[in-house]
Amino acid sequence: AYCDEYKHKICVADGAPWIWNWIENAYSETTQILDFYHAAEKLGACAKSYFPEEQHRKLWLEAQKQRLLNNEVDGVIGTVEQLPSVRNKEARKAREDLLRYYRTNQHRMQYKTYLQQGYLIGSGPIESAHRHVVQHRLKLSGQRWSKPGAQSIVNLRAYQKSNRWSEVIDCIRKAA
């Protein structure tokens, strides 16, 4: 409900289909960004199974991450497709999982463009804020919340943590 007033919405998520489906249905005009760190993690899992020598693996992985940051997801997919066939079932699965994940989310992986527009490409700061602003207050011992009560406390915490507490005070003074 609080998102409706914003004209330009951005969703950074880990690639779970239910999240993208919900965003598409609820806010179809939202810019969808696949969390870069999840994308890099999947790439790392594939690299680990293909490149046992750590130095080679790190070089390859860094080169591919730089390509992702340059909007070259097509090139990364092509490079992964060209990895040699292996008998190792784990390596094959990691490669197939990575390719499926990247192909499905390719349009959400334009990281250079997103960064140029000033967008976050990782959900870490958002997850941290959730822990710090929301969970810290709502999960205190013995707390029980209704949805409206929890939403009210979350709103107040967000104002406090955003250094906007004076707006709350002004609202209270006007109501008094």
N, C-alpha and C. Protein backbone atom coordinates (compact mmCIF):
# COMPACT_ATOMS: atom_id res chain seq x y z
N ALA A 1 0.82 -1.21 0.00
CA ALA A 1 0.00 0.00 0.00
C ALA A 1 0.86 1.26 0.00
N TYR A 2 2.00 1.20 0.64
CA TYR A 2 2.85 2.38 0.73
C TYR A 2 3.66 2.61 -0.53
N CYS A 3 3.69 1.66 -1.43
CA CYS A 3 4.44 1.80 -2.68
C CYS A 3 3.64 2.51 -3.77
N ASP A 4 2.34 2.49 -3.65
CA ASP A 4 1.50 3.01 -4.72
C ASP A 4 1.81 4.45 -5.11
N GLU A 5 2.18 5.28 -4.15
CA GLU A 5 2.40 6.70 -4.45
C GLU A 5 3.69 6.94 -5.24
N TYR A 6 4.59 5.97 -5.25
CA TYR A 6 5.86 6.16 -5.96
C TYR A 6 5.69 5.83 -7.44
N LYS A 7 6.12 6.76 -8.28
CA LYS A 7 5.97 6.56 -9.73
C LYS A 7 6.97 5.54 -10.26
N HIS A 8 8.21 5.60 -9.78
CA HIS A 8 9.25 4.70 -10.28
C HIS A 8 9.66 3.74 -9.17
N LYS A 9 9.38 2.48 -9.38
CA LYS A 9 9.67 1.46 -8.37
C LYS A 9 10.78 0.54 -8.88
N ILE A 10 11.60 0.06 -7.94
CA ILE A 10 12.69 -0.84 -8.26
C ILE A 10 12.62 -2.02 -7.30
N CYS A 11 12.79 -3.21 -7.82
CA CYS A 11 12.82 -4.41 -6.98
C CYS A 11 14.14 -5.13 -7.23
N VAL A 12 14.92 -5.31 -6.18
CA VAL A 12 16.15 -6.09 -6.24
C VAL A 12 15.86 -7.39 -5.50
N ALA A 13 15.98 -8.51 -6.19
CA ALA A 13 15.64 -9.80 -5.57
C ALA A 13 16.60 -10.88 -6.04
N ASP A 14 16.49 -12.04 -5.40
CA ASP A 14 17.44 -13.12 -5.62
C ASP A 14 17.11 -14.07 -6.77
N GLY A 15 16.01 -13.85 -7.43
CA GLY A 15 15.67 -14.69 -8.57
C GLY A 15 14.57 -15.69 -8.30
N ALA A 16 14.00 -15.68 -7.10
CA ALA A 16 12.90 -16.60 -6.80
C ALA A 16 11.71 -16.25 -7.69
N PRO A 17 11.19 -17.22 -8.44
CA PRO A 17 10.09 -16.93 -9.37
C PRO A 17 8.88 -16.29 -8.71
N TRP A 18 8.55 -16.68 -7.48
CA TRP A 18 7.37 -16.11 -6.84
C TRP A 18 7.51 -14.60 -6.62
N ILE A 19 8.74 -14.14 -6.38
CA ILE A 19 8.94 -12.70 -6.18
C ILE A 19 8.68 -11.96 -7.49
N TRP A 20 9.28 -12.46 -8.58
CA TRP A 20 9.09 -11.79 -9.87
C TRP A 20 7.62 -11.84 -10.29
N ASN A 21 6.95 -12.96 -10.04
CA ASN A 21 5.52 -13.07 -10.39
C ASN A 21 4.70 -12.05 -9.60
N TRP A 22 4.99 -11.93 -8.32
CA TRP A 22 4.25 -10.97 -7.48
C TRP A 22 4.51 -9.54 -7.97
N ILE A 23 5.76 -9.21 -8.21
CA ILE A 23 6.10 -7.86 -8.68
C ILE A 23 5.39 -7.57 -10.01
N GLU A 24 5.45 -8.53 -10.90
CA GLU A 24 4.82 -8.35 -12.22
C GLU A 24 3.32 -8.12 -12.08
N ASN A 25 2.68 -8.88 -11.20
CA ASN A 25 1.24 -8.74 -11.01
C ASN A 25 0.85 -7.48 -10.25
N ALA A 26 1.61 -7.14 -9.22
CA ALA A 26 1.26 -6.01 -8.37
C ALA A 26 1.76 -4.67 -8.91
N TYR A 27 2.96 -4.68 -9.47
CA TYR A 27 3.60 -3.44 -9.93
C TYR A 27 4.32 -3.70 -11.24
N SER A 28 3.58 -3.88 -12.29
CA SER A 28 4.16 -4.31 -13.57
C SER A 28 5.18 -3.32 -14.13
N GLU A 29 5.11 -2.05 -13.74
CA GLU A 29 6.04 -1.06 -14.28
C GLU A 29 7.36 -1.00 -13.50
N THR A 30 7.53 -1.86 -12.51
CA THR A 30 8.72 -1.87 -11.67
C THR A 30 9.96 -2.32 -12.43
N THR A 31 11.08 -1.64 -12.20
CA THR A 31 12.37 -2.09 -12.73
C THR A 31 12.80 -3.27 -11.87
N GLN A 32 13.02 -4.41 -12.51
CA GLN A 32 13.40 -5.63 -11.80
C GLN A 32 14.90 -5.86 -11.97
N ILE A 33 15.59 -6.03 -10.84
CA ILE A 33 17.04 -6.23 -10.85
C ILE A 33 17.36 -7.53 -10.11
N LEU A 34 18.09 -8.40 -10.79
CA LEU A 34 18.57 -9.61 -10.13
C LEU A 34 19.74 -9.22 -9.25
N ASP A 35 19.68 -9.59 -8.00
CA ASP A 35 20.74 -9.27 -7.04
C ASP A 35 22.09 -9.74 -7.61
N PHE A 36 23.01 -8.80 -7.80
CA PHE A 36 24.31 -9.10 -8.40
C PHE A 36 25.07 -10.15 -7.59
N TYR A 37 24.97 -10.09 -6.29
CA TYR A 37 25.74 -10.98 -5.44
C TYR A 37 25.22 -12.41 -5.50
N HIS A 38 23.91 -12.57 -5.72
CA HIS A 38 23.37 -13.91 -5.95
C HIS A 38 23.83 -14.43 -7.31
N ALA A 39 23.83 -13.55 -8.30
CA ALA A 39 24.29 -13.94 -9.64
C ALA A 39 25.76 -14.36 -9.60
N ALA A 40 26.58 -13.60 -8.85
CA ALA A 40 28.00 -13.92 -8.74
C ALA A 40 28.21 -15.20 -7.94
N GLU A 41 27.38 -15.44 -6.95
CA GLU A 41 27.47 -16.66 -6.14
C GLU A 41 27.23 -17.91 -7.01
N LYS A 42 26.22 -17.83 -7.85
CA LYS A 42 25.94 -18.96 -8.77
C LYS A 42 27.11 -19.16 -9.73
N LEU A 43 27.67 -18.08 -10.21
CA LEU A 43 28.82 -18.15 -11.10
C LEU A 43 30.00 -18.80 -10.37
N GLY A 44 30.19 -18.43 -9.12
CA GLY A 44 31.27 -18.99 -8.31
C GLY A 44 31.12 -20.49 -8.09
N ALA A 45 29.90 -20.95 -7.89
CA ALA A 45 29.65 -22.38 -7.70
C ALA A 45 30.01 -23.16 -8.96
N CYS A 46 29.66 -22.59 -10.10
CA CYS A 46 30.01 -23.23 -11.37
C CYS A 46 31.53 -23.23 -11.55
N ALA A 47 32.16 -22.10 -11.29
CA ALA A 47 33.62 -21.99 -11.45
C ALA A 47 34.35 -22.97 -10.55
N LYS A 48 33.86 -23.13 -9.35
CA LYS A 48 34.51 -24.03 -8.39
C LYS A 48 34.50 -25.47 -8.89
N SER A 49 33.44 -25.86 -9.55
CA SER A 49 33.37 -27.24 -10.03
C SER A 49 34.16 -27.44 -11.33
N TYR A 50 34.46 -26.37 -12.05
CA TYR A 50 35.20 -26.49 -13.31
C TYR A 50 36.69 -26.18 -13.19
N PHE A 51 37.03 -25.36 -12.23
CA PHE A 51 38.43 -24.91 -12.10
C PHE A 51 38.95 -25.25 -10.71
N PRO A 52 39.53 -26.42 -10.55
CA PRO A 52 40.01 -26.82 -9.22
C PRO A 52 41.18 -25.98 -8.71
N GLU A 53 41.97 -25.44 -9.63
CA GLU A 53 43.12 -24.62 -9.24
C GLU A 53 42.63 -23.22 -8.88
N GLU A 54 42.85 -22.82 -7.63
CA GLU A 54 42.25 -21.60 -7.09
C GLU A 54 42.62 -20.34 -7.87
N GLN A 55 43.87 -20.19 -8.23
CA GLN A 55 44.30 -18.97 -8.93
C GLN A 55 43.60 -18.83 -10.28
N HIS A 56 43.53 -19.92 -11.03
CA HIS A 56 42.84 -19.92 -12.32
C HIS A 56 41.36 -19.61 -12.14
N ARG A 57 40.76 -20.24 -11.15
CA ARG A 57 39.33 -20.04 -10.87
C ARG A 57 39.06 -18.57 -10.53
N LYS A 58 39.89 -17.97 -9.67
CA LYS A 58 39.69 -16.57 -9.28
C LYS A 58 39.80 -15.63 -10.48
N LEU A 59 40.78 -15.88 -11.34
CA LEU A 59 40.95 -15.04 -12.53
C LEU A 59 39.73 -15.15 -13.45
N TRP A 60 39.30 -16.37 -13.70
CA TRP A 60 38.16 -16.60 -14.58
C TRP A 60 36.91 -15.95 -13.99
N LEU A 61 36.70 -16.17 -12.71
CA LEU A 61 35.52 -15.65 -12.03
C LEU A 61 35.51 -14.12 -12.04
N GLU A 62 36.63 -13.51 -11.76
CA GLU A 62 36.72 -12.04 -11.76
C GLU A 62 36.44 -11.48 -13.16
N ALA A 63 36.97 -12.15 -14.17
CA ALA A 63 36.74 -11.69 -15.55
C ALA A 63 35.25 -11.75 -15.89
N GLN A 64 34.59 -12.82 -15.49
CA GLN A 64 33.16 -12.97 -15.79
C GLN A 64 32.32 -11.97 -15.00
N LYS A 65 32.69 -11.72 -13.76
CA LYS A 65 31.95 -10.73 -12.96
C LYS A 65 32.10 -9.33 -13.57
N GLN A 66 33.27 -9.02 -14.06
CA GLN A 66 33.47 -7.73 -14.72
C GLN A 66 32.61 -7.62 -15.98
N ARG A 67 32.49 -8.72 -16.69
CA ARG A 67 31.63 -8.72 -17.88
C ARG A 67 30.17 -8.49 -17.48
N LEU A 68 29.74 -9.12 -16.40
CA LEU A 68 28.37 -8.89 -15.92
C LEU A 68 28.16 -7.42 -15.57
N LEU A 69 29.15 -6.82 -14.93
CA LEU A 69 29.05 -5.40 -14.56
C LEU A 69 29.11 -4.47 -15.77
N ASN A 70 29.44 -5.03 -16.93
CA ASN A 70 29.52 -4.27 -18.17
C ASN A 70 28.34 -4.57 -19.11
N ASN A 71 27.27 -5.13 -18.56
CA ASN A 71 26.08 -5.50 -19.35
C ASN A 71 26.39 -6.58 -20.40
N GLU A 72 27.34 -7.43 -20.14
CA GLU A 72 27.72 -8.47 -21.09
C GLU A 72 27.26 -9.86 -20.65
N VAL A 73 26.03 -9.94 -20.17
CA VAL A 73 25.52 -11.23 -19.71
C VAL A 73 25.47 -12.24 -20.85
N ASP A 74 25.19 -11.78 -22.08
CA ASP A 74 25.19 -12.69 -23.24
C ASP A 74 26.56 -13.36 -23.39
N GLY A 75 27.61 -12.56 -23.25
CA GLY A 75 28.96 -13.08 -23.38
C GLY A 75 29.30 -14.07 -22.28
N VAL A 76 28.84 -13.81 -21.07
CA VAL A 76 29.09 -14.73 -19.95
C VAL A 76 28.36 -16.05 -20.21
N ILE A 77 27.13 -15.96 -20.67
CA ILE A 77 26.37 -17.17 -20.99
C ILE A 77 27.11 -17.96 -22.06
N GLY A 78 27.58 -17.28 -23.10
CA GLY A 78 28.33 -17.95 -24.16
C GLY A 78 29.60 -18.61 -23.64
N THR A 79 30.31 -17.95 -22.76
CA THR A 79 31.53 -18.51 -22.18
C THR A 79 31.22 -19.76 -21.36
N VAL A 80 30.16 -19.70 -20.59
CA VAL A 80 29.78 -20.86 -19.76
C VAL A 80 29.32 -22.01 -20.66
N GLU A 81 28.60 -21.69 -21.73
CA GLU A 81 28.16 -22.74 -22.67
C GLU A 81 29.36 -23.44 -23.30
N GLN A 82 30.46 -22.72 -23.47
CA GLN A 82 31.65 -23.28 -24.12
C GLN A 82 32.57 -24.03 -23.16
N LEU A 83 32.23 -24.05 -21.88
CA LEU A 83 33.04 -24.84 -20.96
C LEU A 83 33.00 -26.30 -21.42
N PRO A 84 34.11 -27.00 -21.30
CA PRO A 84 34.15 -28.38 -21.81
C PRO A 84 33.17 -29.29 -21.09
N SER A 85 32.68 -30.27 -21.82
CA SER A 85 31.81 -31.28 -21.21
C SER A 85 32.63 -32.06 -20.19
N VAL A 86 32.00 -32.35 -19.10
CA VAL A 86 32.69 -33.11 -18.05
C VAL A 86 31.80 -34.26 -17.60
N ARG A 87 32.45 -35.27 -17.07
CA ARG A 87 31.71 -36.41 -16.54
C ARG A 87 31.18 -36.13 -15.14
N ASN A 88 31.83 -35.22 -14.48
CA ASN A 88 31.46 -34.87 -13.11
C ASN A 88 30.01 -34.37 -13.07
N LYS A 89 29.16 -35.15 -12.41
CA LYS A 89 27.74 -34.83 -12.34
C LYS A 89 27.50 -33.49 -11.63
N GLU A 90 28.27 -33.21 -10.59
CA GLU A 90 28.13 -31.96 -9.83
C GLU A 90 28.47 -30.74 -10.71
N ALA A 91 29.52 -30.85 -11.50
CA ALA A 91 29.92 -29.76 -12.38
C ALA A 91 28.86 -29.53 -13.47
N ARG A 92 28.36 -30.61 -14.04
CA ARG A 92 27.32 -30.48 -15.06
C ARG A 92 26.07 -29.79 -14.49
N LYS A 93 25.69 -30.20 -13.29
CA LYS A 93 24.51 -29.62 -12.66
C LYS A 93 24.73 -28.13 -12.36
N ALA A 94 25.91 -27.78 -11.84
CA ALA A 94 26.22 -26.37 -11.54
C ALA A 94 26.15 -25.54 -12.81
N ARG A 95 26.68 -26.07 -13.90
CA ARG A 95 26.66 -25.36 -15.19
C ARG A 95 25.24 -25.19 -15.70
N GLU A 96 24.45 -26.26 -15.67
CA GLU A 96 23.06 -26.20 -16.12
C GLU A 96 22.23 -25.24 -15.27
N ASP A 97 22.43 -25.29 -13.95
CA ASP A 97 21.71 -24.38 -13.05
C ASP A 97 22.06 -22.93 -13.34
N LEU A 98 23.35 -22.67 -13.53
CA LEU A 98 23.79 -21.30 -13.83
C LEU A 98 23.18 -20.80 -15.15
N LEU A 99 23.25 -21.63 -16.18
CA LEU A 99 22.71 -21.22 -17.48
C LEU A 99 21.21 -20.96 -17.40
N ARG A 100 20.48 -21.81 -16.72
CA ARG A 100 19.03 -21.63 -16.58
C ARG A 100 18.75 -20.33 -15.81
N TYR A 101 19.47 -20.12 -14.74
CA TYR A 101 19.30 -18.92 -13.89
C TYR A 101 19.59 -17.65 -14.67
N TYR A 102 20.70 -17.63 -15.42
CA TYR A 102 21.06 -16.45 -16.19
C TYR A 102 20.11 -16.20 -17.35
N ARG A 103 19.72 -17.26 -18.05
CA ARG A 103 18.80 -17.08 -19.18
C ARG A 103 17.44 -16.56 -18.70
N THR A 104 16.97 -17.11 -17.59
CA THR A 104 15.69 -16.67 -17.04
C THR A 104 15.71 -15.22 -16.61
N ASN A 105 16.84 -14.78 -16.07
CA ASN A 105 16.94 -13.45 -15.49
C ASN A 105 17.75 -12.45 -16.31
N GLN A 106 18.10 -12.82 -17.51
CA GLN A 106 18.97 -12.01 -18.36
C GLN A 106 18.52 -10.55 -18.44
N HIS A 107 17.25 -10.32 -18.61
CA HIS A 107 16.74 -8.96 -18.74
C HIS A 107 16.80 -8.18 -17.43
N ARG A 108 17.09 -8.86 -16.33
CA ARG A 108 17.22 -8.22 -15.02
C ARG A 108 18.69 -8.02 -14.62
N MET A 109 19.61 -8.25 -15.57
CA MET A 109 21.03 -8.25 -15.26
C MET A 109 21.80 -7.17 -16.01
N GLN A 110 21.20 -6.02 -16.21
CA GLN A 110 21.86 -4.91 -16.90
C GLN A 110 22.53 -4.00 -15.87
N TYR A 111 23.53 -4.56 -15.18
CA TYR A 111 24.11 -3.92 -14.00
C TYR A 111 24.77 -2.57 -14.29
N LYS A 112 25.45 -2.46 -15.40
CA LYS A 112 26.08 -1.18 -15.74
C LYS A 112 25.02 -0.10 -15.88
N THR A 113 23.95 -0.41 -16.57
CA THR A 113 22.85 0.54 -16.75
C THR A 113 22.24 0.92 -15.41
N TYR A 114 22.00 -0.07 -14.57
CA TYR A 114 21.39 0.20 -13.27
C TYR A 114 22.29 1.11 -12.43
N LEU A 115 23.58 0.80 -12.41
CA LEU A 115 24.52 1.61 -11.63
C LEU A 115 24.59 3.04 -12.16
N GLN A 116 24.57 3.17 -13.49
CA GLN A 116 24.59 4.52 -14.09
C GLN A 116 23.35 5.32 -13.70
N GLN A 117 22.26 4.63 -13.46
CA GLN A 117 21.02 5.30 -13.06
C GLN A 117 20.94 5.51 -11.55
N GLY A 118 21.98 5.07 -10.83
CA GLY A 118 22.04 5.27 -9.39
C GLY A 118 21.30 4.22 -8.58
N TYR A 119 20.98 3.08 -9.18
CA TYR A 119 20.25 2.03 -8.49
C TYR A 119 21.21 1.10 -7.75
N LEU A 120 20.72 0.48 -6.70
CA LEU A 120 21.45 -0.59 -6.03
C LEU A 120 21.36 -1.84 -6.89
N ILE A 121 22.39 -2.66 -6.89
CA ILE A 121 22.33 -3.92 -7.64
C ILE A 121 22.41 -5.11 -6.68
N GLY A 122 22.43 -4.84 -5.39
CA GLY A 122 22.45 -5.90 -4.39
C GLY A 122 21.42 -5.61 -3.31
N SER A 123 20.89 -6.66 -2.72
CA SER A 123 19.86 -6.50 -1.71
C SER A 123 20.42 -6.41 -0.30
N GLY A 124 21.74 -6.49 -0.14
CA GLY A 124 22.36 -6.46 1.18
C GLY A 124 21.95 -5.27 2.04
N PRO A 125 22.04 -4.03 1.53
CA PRO A 125 21.63 -2.89 2.35
C PRO A 125 20.15 -2.95 2.76
N ILE A 126 19.32 -3.48 1.87
CA ILE A 126 17.89 -3.58 2.16
C ILE A 126 17.67 -4.64 3.24
N GLU A 127 18.35 -5.78 3.11
CA GLU A 127 18.23 -6.84 4.11
C GLU A 127 18.75 -6.37 5.46
N SER A 128 19.83 -5.63 5.46
CA SER A 128 20.39 -5.10 6.70
C SER A 128 19.41 -4.12 7.34
N ALA A 129 18.83 -3.25 6.54
CA ALA A 129 17.86 -2.29 7.07
C ALA A 129 16.65 -3.02 7.66
N HIS A 130 16.24 -4.08 7.01
CA HIS A 130 15.11 -4.86 7.52
C HIS A 130 15.44 -5.42 8.90
N ARG A 131 16.64 -5.97 9.05
CA ARG A 131 17.04 -6.49 10.36
C ARG A 131 17.12 -5.38 11.39
N HIS A 132 17.74 -4.26 10.99
CA HIS A 132 18.00 -3.18 11.93
C HIS A 132 16.74 -2.38 12.28
N VAL A 133 15.94 -2.08 11.30
CA VAL A 133 14.77 -1.24 11.52
C VAL A 133 13.56 -2.05 11.98
N VAL A 134 13.31 -3.17 11.31
CA VAL A 134 12.08 -3.91 11.56
C VAL A 134 12.26 -4.98 12.63
N GLN A 135 13.10 -5.95 12.37
CA GLN A 135 13.21 -7.09 13.26
C GLN A 135 13.68 -6.71 14.66
N HIS A 136 14.61 -5.78 14.74
CA HIS A 136 15.15 -5.38 16.03
C HIS A 136 14.03 -4.93 16.97
N ARG A 137 13.06 -4.23 16.45
CA ARG A 137 11.96 -3.72 17.28
C ARG A 137 10.84 -4.72 17.44
N LEU A 138 10.48 -5.42 16.38
CA LEU A 138 9.30 -6.29 16.44
C LEU A 138 9.56 -7.64 17.10
N LYS A 139 10.82 -8.04 17.21
CA LYS A 139 11.12 -9.37 17.75
C LYS A 139 11.65 -9.33 19.18
N LEU A 140 11.33 -8.27 19.90
CA LEU A 140 11.72 -8.21 21.30
C LEU A 140 10.96 -9.27 22.09
N SER A 141 11.53 -9.72 23.17
CA SER A 141 10.93 -10.77 23.99
C SER A 141 9.52 -10.38 24.43
N GLY A 142 8.60 -11.30 24.24
CA GLY A 142 7.23 -11.11 24.69
C GLY A 142 6.36 -10.25 23.78
N GLN A 143 6.88 -9.81 22.65
CA GLN A 143 6.11 -8.95 21.76
C GLN A 143 5.07 -9.76 20.98
N ARG A 144 3.89 -9.20 20.87
CA ARG A 144 2.83 -9.76 20.02
C ARG A 144 2.26 -8.59 19.23
N TRP A 145 2.10 -8.77 17.93
CA TRP A 145 1.66 -7.66 17.09
C TRP A 145 0.52 -8.07 16.19
N SER A 146 -0.44 -7.16 16.05
CA SER A 146 -1.42 -7.29 14.97
C SER A 146 -0.74 -6.71 13.73
N LYS A 147 -1.26 -6.99 12.55
CA LYS A 147 -0.68 -6.40 11.35
C LYS A 147 -0.70 -4.87 11.39
N PRO A 148 -1.85 -4.25 11.72
CA PRO A 148 -1.86 -2.78 11.77
C PRO A 148 -0.89 -2.21 12.82
N GLY A 149 -0.80 -2.88 13.97
CA GLY A 149 0.11 -2.41 15.02
C GLY A 149 1.56 -2.52 14.59
N ALA A 150 1.91 -3.65 13.97
CA ALA A 150 3.28 -3.84 13.49
C ALA A 150 3.61 -2.82 12.41
N GLN A 151 2.66 -2.56 11.51
CA GLN A 151 2.91 -1.59 10.44
C GLN A 151 3.12 -0.20 11.03
N SER A 152 2.36 0.16 12.04
CA SER A 152 2.52 1.47 12.68
C SER A 152 3.90 1.61 13.31
N ILE A 153 4.35 0.59 14.00
CA ILE A 153 5.67 0.62 14.63
C ILE A 153 6.76 0.68 13.57
N VAL A 154 6.61 -0.11 12.51
CA VAL A 154 7.60 -0.10 11.42
C VAL A 154 7.68 1.30 10.79
N ASN A 155 6.53 1.93 10.58
CA ASN A 155 6.52 3.29 10.02
C ASN A 155 7.27 4.26 10.93
N LEU A 156 7.00 4.17 12.23
CA LEU A 156 7.69 5.06 13.17
C LEU A 156 9.19 4.79 13.19
N ARG A 157 9.58 3.51 13.18
CA ARG A 157 11.01 3.16 13.17
C ARG A 157 11.68 3.69 11.91
N ALA A 158 10.99 3.60 10.79
CA ALA A 158 11.56 4.08 9.53
C ALA A 158 11.79 5.59 9.60
N TYR A 159 10.83 6.32 10.16
CA TYR A 159 11.02 7.77 10.32
C TYR A 159 12.20 8.06 11.24
N GLN A 160 12.28 7.32 12.35
CA GLN A 160 13.36 7.54 13.30
C GLN A 160 14.72 7.25 12.67
N LYS A 161 14.84 6.12 12.02
CA LYS A 161 16.12 5.70 11.43
C LYS A 161 16.50 6.54 10.21
N SER A 162 15.53 7.24 9.63
CA SER A 162 15.79 8.10 8.47
C SER A 162 16.04 9.54 8.88
N ASN A 163 16.21 9.77 10.18
CA ASN A 163 16.40 11.13 10.70
C ASN A 163 15.26 12.06 10.30
N ARG A 164 14.05 11.52 10.31
CA ARG A 164 12.87 12.31 9.96
C ARG A 164 11.88 12.38 11.13
N TRP A 165 12.38 12.17 12.34
CA TRP A 165 11.52 12.13 13.52
C TRP A 165 10.77 13.46 13.72
N SER A 166 11.38 14.56 13.31
CA SER A 166 10.73 15.87 13.46
C SER A 166 9.39 15.92 12.71
N GLU A 167 9.29 15.16 11.62
CA GLU A 167 8.02 15.10 10.88
C GLU A 167 6.93 14.44 11.71
N VAL A 168 7.31 13.42 12.48
CA VAL A 168 6.35 12.74 13.36
C VAL A 168 5.90 13.71 14.45
N ILE A 169 6.86 14.41 15.03
CA ILE A 169 6.53 15.39 16.08
C ILE A 169 5.60 16.47 15.52
N ASP A 170 5.89 16.98 14.33
CA ASP A 170 5.03 17.99 13.70
C ASP A 170 3.61 17.46 13.51
N CYS A 171 3.50 16.23 13.09
CA CYS A 171 2.18 15.61 12.88
C CYS A 171 1.42 15.50 14.19
N ILE A 172 2.12 15.13 15.26
CA ILE A 172 1.48 15.00 16.57
C ILE A 172 1.02 16.38 17.06
N ARG A 173 1.87 17.38 16.87
CA ARG A 173 1.51 18.75 17.30
C ARG A 173 0.27 19.25 16.54
N LYS A 174 0.21 18.97 15.27
CA LYS A 174 -0.94 19.43 14.47
C LYS A 174 -2.22 18.73 14.90
N ALA A 175 -2.08 17.45 15.32
CA ALA A 175 -3.27 16.69 15.74
C ALA A 175 -3.74 17.10 17.13
N ALA A 176 -2.86 17.67 17.93
CA ALA A 176 -3.20 17.99 19.34
C ALA A 176 -4.10 19.18 19.48
